[in-house]
């Protein structure tokens, strides 16, 4: 019974990532589970359960991985821009 649930779960996560282009973190937040679980399911388990689906997900995850430094830099820029604005209004 548990294996069937994990198979379904892997494919649901994969479908969501393919449909939305979501990151592992965004997928985990959407389903309310840990990012470790999503990552393990779509990178390890899905490879053996549904290889064609795994290939599609892997392409998206590779794109997300190549872009993560950009997203991180943008988040840092917004963080410090917000702090700068708060300090301007204090003076």
N, C-alpha and C. Protein backbone atom coordinates (compact mmCIF):
# COMPACT_ATOMS: atom_id res chain seq x y z
N UNK A 1 0.83 -1.20 0.00
CA UNK A 1 0.00 0.00 0.00
C UNK A 1 0.87 1.25 0.00
N UNK A 2 1.90 1.26 0.83
CA UNK A 2 2.74 2.44 0.93
C UNK A 2 3.48 2.73 -0.37
N UNK A 3 3.96 1.69 -1.05
CA UNK A 3 4.67 1.88 -2.31
C UNK A 3 3.78 2.54 -3.35
N UNK A 4 2.53 2.14 -3.41
CA UNK A 4 1.58 2.72 -4.36
C UNK A 4 1.41 4.21 -4.08
N UNK A 5 1.31 4.59 -2.81
CA UNK A 5 1.17 5.98 -2.43
C UNK A 5 2.39 6.78 -2.85
N UNK A 6 3.59 6.21 -2.66
CA UNK A 6 4.82 6.90 -3.03
C UNK A 6 4.92 7.08 -4.54
N UNK A 7 4.47 6.09 -5.30
CA UNK A 7 4.47 6.20 -6.75
C UNK A 7 3.56 7.33 -7.19
N UNK A 8 2.37 7.35 -6.66
CA UNK A 8 1.43 8.42 -6.99
C UNK A 8 1.99 9.78 -6.59
N UNK A 9 2.58 9.84 -5.42
CA UNK A 9 3.13 11.10 -4.92
C UNK A 9 4.25 11.60 -5.81
N UNK A 10 5.13 10.71 -6.22
CA UNK A 10 6.24 11.10 -7.11
C UNK A 10 5.70 11.70 -8.41
N UNK A 11 4.71 11.06 -8.97
CA UNK A 11 4.16 11.52 -10.23
C UNK A 11 3.37 12.82 -10.07
N UNK A 12 2.73 13.00 -8.95
CA UNK A 12 2.02 14.26 -8.69
C UNK A 12 3.01 15.41 -8.57
N UNK A 13 4.08 15.20 -7.82
CA UNK A 13 5.11 16.24 -7.70
C UNK A 13 5.70 16.57 -9.06
N UNK A 14 6.01 15.53 -9.83
CA UNK A 14 6.60 15.72 -11.16
C UNK A 14 5.65 16.51 -12.05
N UNK A 15 4.39 16.15 -12.04
CA UNK A 15 3.40 16.87 -12.85
C UNK A 15 3.32 18.33 -12.48
N UNK A 16 3.34 18.61 -11.19
CA UNK A 16 3.27 20.01 -10.74
C UNK A 16 4.51 20.79 -11.19
N UNK A 17 5.68 20.20 -11.07
CA UNK A 17 6.91 20.87 -11.47
C UNK A 17 6.92 21.10 -12.98
N UNK A 18 6.47 20.13 -13.74
CA UNK A 18 6.44 20.27 -15.20
C UNK A 18 5.43 21.33 -15.62
N UNK A 19 4.25 21.30 -15.02
CA UNK A 19 3.18 22.24 -15.40
C UNK A 19 3.52 23.69 -15.04
N UNK A 20 4.16 23.88 -13.90
CA UNK A 20 4.39 25.25 -13.41
C UNK A 20 5.82 25.73 -13.55
N UNK A 21 6.76 24.79 -13.75
CA UNK A 21 8.17 25.16 -13.77
C UNK A 21 8.67 25.51 -12.38
N UNK A 22 7.98 25.00 -11.38
CA UNK A 22 8.28 25.33 -9.98
C UNK A 22 9.61 24.74 -9.54
N UNK A 23 10.19 25.38 -8.56
CA UNK A 23 11.39 24.84 -7.92
C UNK A 23 10.96 23.76 -6.93
N UNK A 24 11.93 23.01 -6.44
CA UNK A 24 11.64 21.99 -5.44
C UNK A 24 11.05 22.65 -4.20
N UNK A 25 11.61 23.79 -3.82
CA UNK A 25 11.13 24.50 -2.64
C UNK A 25 9.68 24.97 -2.83
N UNK A 26 9.35 25.49 -4.01
CA UNK A 26 7.99 25.96 -4.28
C UNK A 26 7.01 24.78 -4.31
N UNK A 27 7.44 23.67 -4.86
CA UNK A 27 6.60 22.48 -4.89
C UNK A 27 6.33 21.99 -3.47
N UNK A 28 7.35 21.96 -2.65
CA UNK A 28 7.19 21.53 -1.26
C UNK A 28 6.23 22.44 -0.51
N UNK A 29 6.35 23.73 -0.72
CA UNK A 29 5.46 24.68 -0.05
C UNK A 29 4.02 24.48 -0.52
N UNK A 30 3.85 24.24 -1.81
CA UNK A 30 2.51 24.04 -2.37
C UNK A 30 1.82 22.83 -1.74
N UNK A 31 2.56 21.75 -1.57
CA UNK A 31 1.98 20.52 -1.04
C UNK A 31 2.10 20.41 0.48
N UNK A 32 2.80 21.34 1.11
CA UNK A 32 2.90 21.35 2.56
C UNK A 32 3.77 20.24 3.12
N UNK A 33 4.85 19.91 2.41
CA UNK A 33 5.77 18.89 2.89
C UNK A 33 7.19 19.43 2.79
N UNK A 34 8.16 18.64 3.21
CA UNK A 34 9.54 19.12 3.20
C UNK A 34 10.12 19.08 1.80
N UNK A 35 11.06 19.99 1.56
CA UNK A 35 11.71 20.01 0.24
C UNK A 35 12.59 18.79 0.06
N UNK A 36 13.07 18.22 1.15
CA UNK A 36 13.86 16.99 1.06
C UNK A 36 13.03 15.84 0.49
N UNK A 37 11.79 15.76 0.92
CA UNK A 37 10.90 14.71 0.43
C UNK A 37 10.64 14.88 -1.06
N UNK A 38 10.34 16.10 -1.49
CA UNK A 38 10.09 16.35 -2.91
C UNK A 38 11.34 16.02 -3.72
N UNK A 39 12.48 16.50 -3.26
CA UNK A 39 13.72 16.27 -4.00
C UNK A 39 14.01 14.77 -4.12
N UNK A 40 13.88 14.05 -3.04
CA UNK A 40 14.14 12.60 -3.06
C UNK A 40 13.18 11.89 -4.01
N UNK A 41 11.92 12.28 -3.97
CA UNK A 41 10.93 11.64 -4.83
C UNK A 41 11.18 11.90 -6.31
N UNK A 42 11.46 13.14 -6.69
CA UNK A 42 11.57 13.46 -8.12
C UNK A 42 12.96 13.20 -8.69
N UNK A 43 13.97 13.04 -7.85
CA UNK A 43 15.30 12.76 -8.39
C UNK A 43 15.71 11.31 -8.25
N UNK A 44 15.33 10.66 -7.17
CA UNK A 44 15.75 9.27 -6.95
C UNK A 44 14.67 8.27 -7.32
N UNK A 45 13.52 8.41 -6.72
CA UNK A 45 12.47 7.40 -6.90
C UNK A 45 11.84 7.46 -8.29
N UNK A 46 11.60 8.64 -8.79
CA UNK A 46 10.92 8.79 -10.08
C UNK A 46 11.74 8.20 -11.22
N UNK A 47 13.04 8.21 -11.09
CA UNK A 47 13.92 7.66 -12.13
C UNK A 47 13.56 6.20 -12.42
N UNK A 48 13.19 5.44 -11.41
CA UNK A 48 12.86 4.03 -11.58
C UNK A 48 11.37 3.79 -11.83
N UNK A 49 10.54 4.69 -11.34
CA UNK A 49 9.09 4.53 -11.47
C UNK A 49 8.61 4.91 -12.87
N UNK A 50 9.08 6.06 -13.37
CA UNK A 50 8.60 6.58 -14.65
C UNK A 50 9.75 7.35 -15.33
N UNK A 51 10.65 6.66 -16.01
CA UNK A 51 11.82 7.31 -16.63
C UNK A 51 11.51 8.47 -17.58
N UNK A 52 10.49 8.37 -18.45
CA UNK A 52 10.21 9.52 -19.33
C UNK A 52 9.80 10.78 -18.54
N UNK A 53 9.01 10.59 -17.50
CA UNK A 53 8.60 11.72 -16.67
C UNK A 53 9.80 12.28 -15.92
N UNK A 54 10.68 11.40 -15.47
CA UNK A 54 11.90 11.82 -14.78
C UNK A 54 12.74 12.73 -15.68
N UNK A 55 12.86 12.37 -16.96
CA UNK A 55 13.66 13.17 -17.88
C UNK A 55 13.09 14.58 -18.03
N UNK A 56 11.76 14.69 -18.09
CA UNK A 56 11.13 16.00 -18.19
C UNK A 56 11.39 16.84 -16.94
N UNK A 57 11.24 16.22 -15.78
CA UNK A 57 11.46 16.94 -14.52
C UNK A 57 12.92 17.34 -14.40
N UNK A 58 13.81 16.46 -14.78
CA UNK A 58 15.24 16.75 -14.68
C UNK A 58 15.61 17.98 -15.50
N UNK A 59 15.04 18.13 -16.68
CA UNK A 59 15.30 19.31 -17.51
C UNK A 59 14.91 20.59 -16.77
N UNK A 60 13.76 20.58 -16.15
CA UNK A 60 13.29 21.76 -15.42
C UNK A 60 14.15 22.02 -14.19
N UNK A 61 14.49 20.96 -13.46
CA UNK A 61 15.32 21.13 -12.27
C UNK A 61 16.71 21.65 -12.66
N UNK A 62 17.23 21.20 -13.79
CA UNK A 62 18.53 21.70 -14.25
C UNK A 62 18.46 23.19 -14.60
N UNK A 63 17.36 23.61 -15.21
CA UNK A 63 17.18 25.04 -15.52
C UNK A 63 17.10 25.83 -14.21
N UNK A 64 16.29 25.34 -13.27
CA UNK A 64 16.16 26.03 -11.98
C UNK A 64 17.50 26.12 -11.27
N UNK A 65 18.29 25.05 -11.35
CA UNK A 65 19.59 25.04 -10.70
C UNK A 65 20.53 26.07 -11.34
N UNK A 66 20.47 26.19 -12.66
CA UNK A 66 21.34 27.14 -13.34
C UNK A 66 20.94 28.59 -13.07
N UNK A 67 19.69 28.80 -12.67
CA UNK A 67 19.20 30.16 -12.42
C UNK A 67 19.18 30.53 -10.95
N UNK A 68 19.52 29.62 -10.06
CA UNK A 68 19.35 29.90 -8.64
C UNK A 68 20.24 31.03 -8.13
N UNK A 69 21.42 31.19 -8.70
CA UNK A 69 22.28 32.29 -8.25
C UNK A 69 21.66 33.64 -8.60
N UNK A 70 20.90 33.68 -9.67
CA UNK A 70 20.22 34.93 -10.05
C UNK A 70 19.09 35.23 -9.06
N UNK A 71 18.29 34.20 -8.74
CA UNK A 71 17.20 34.40 -7.78
C UNK A 71 17.74 34.79 -6.42
N UNK A 72 18.84 34.16 -6.00
CA UNK A 72 19.44 34.48 -4.71
C UNK A 72 19.95 35.91 -4.66
N UNK A 73 20.60 36.32 -5.74
CA UNK A 73 21.10 37.70 -5.81
C UNK A 73 19.97 38.71 -5.80
N UNK A 74 18.89 38.40 -6.49
CA UNK A 74 17.73 39.30 -6.51
C UNK A 74 17.10 39.40 -5.13
N UNK A 75 17.01 38.29 -4.42
CA UNK A 75 16.43 38.30 -3.08
C UNK A 75 17.30 39.14 -2.14
N UNK A 76 18.60 39.00 -2.26
CA UNK A 76 19.51 39.78 -1.42
C UNK A 76 19.39 41.27 -1.74
N UNK A 77 19.29 41.60 -3.01
CA UNK A 77 19.15 42.99 -3.42
C UNK A 77 17.87 43.60 -2.83
N UNK A 78 16.77 42.87 -2.91
CA UNK A 78 15.50 43.36 -2.37
C UNK A 78 15.59 43.52 -0.85
N UNK A 79 16.26 42.59 -0.19
CA UNK A 79 16.40 42.64 1.26
C UNK A 79 17.10 43.92 1.69
N UNK A 80 18.24 44.20 1.05
CA UNK A 80 19.01 45.37 1.45
C UNK A 80 18.40 46.66 0.94
N UNK A 81 17.68 46.61 -0.16
CA UNK A 81 16.98 47.79 -0.65
C UNK A 81 15.90 48.19 0.35
N UNK A 82 15.20 47.18 0.89
CA UNK A 82 14.18 47.44 1.91
C UNK A 82 14.78 48.02 3.18
N UNK A 83 15.94 47.53 3.61
CA UNK A 83 16.60 48.07 4.80
C UNK A 83 17.04 49.50 4.57
N UNK A 84 17.53 49.78 3.36
CA UNK A 84 17.97 51.13 3.02
C UNK A 84 16.80 52.10 3.09
N UNK A 85 15.66 51.69 2.57
CA UNK A 85 14.47 52.56 2.59
C UNK A 85 14.00 52.83 4.02
N UNK A 86 14.05 51.81 4.87
CA UNK A 86 13.64 52.00 6.28
C UNK A 86 14.56 53.01 6.96
N UNK A 87 15.85 52.91 6.70
CA UNK A 87 16.81 53.83 7.32
C UNK A 87 16.62 55.25 6.81
N UNK A 88 16.24 55.43 5.56
CA UNK A 88 16.01 56.76 5.00
C UNK A 88 14.88 57.46 5.72
N UNK A 89 13.82 56.70 6.06
CA UNK A 89 12.67 57.32 6.70
C UNK A 89 12.89 57.60 8.18
N UNK A 90 13.89 56.99 8.78
CA UNK A 90 14.19 57.23 10.20
C UNK A 90 14.88 58.56 10.39
N UNK A 91 15.62 59.01 9.40
CA UNK A 91 16.41 60.23 9.56
C UNK A 91 15.57 61.47 9.45
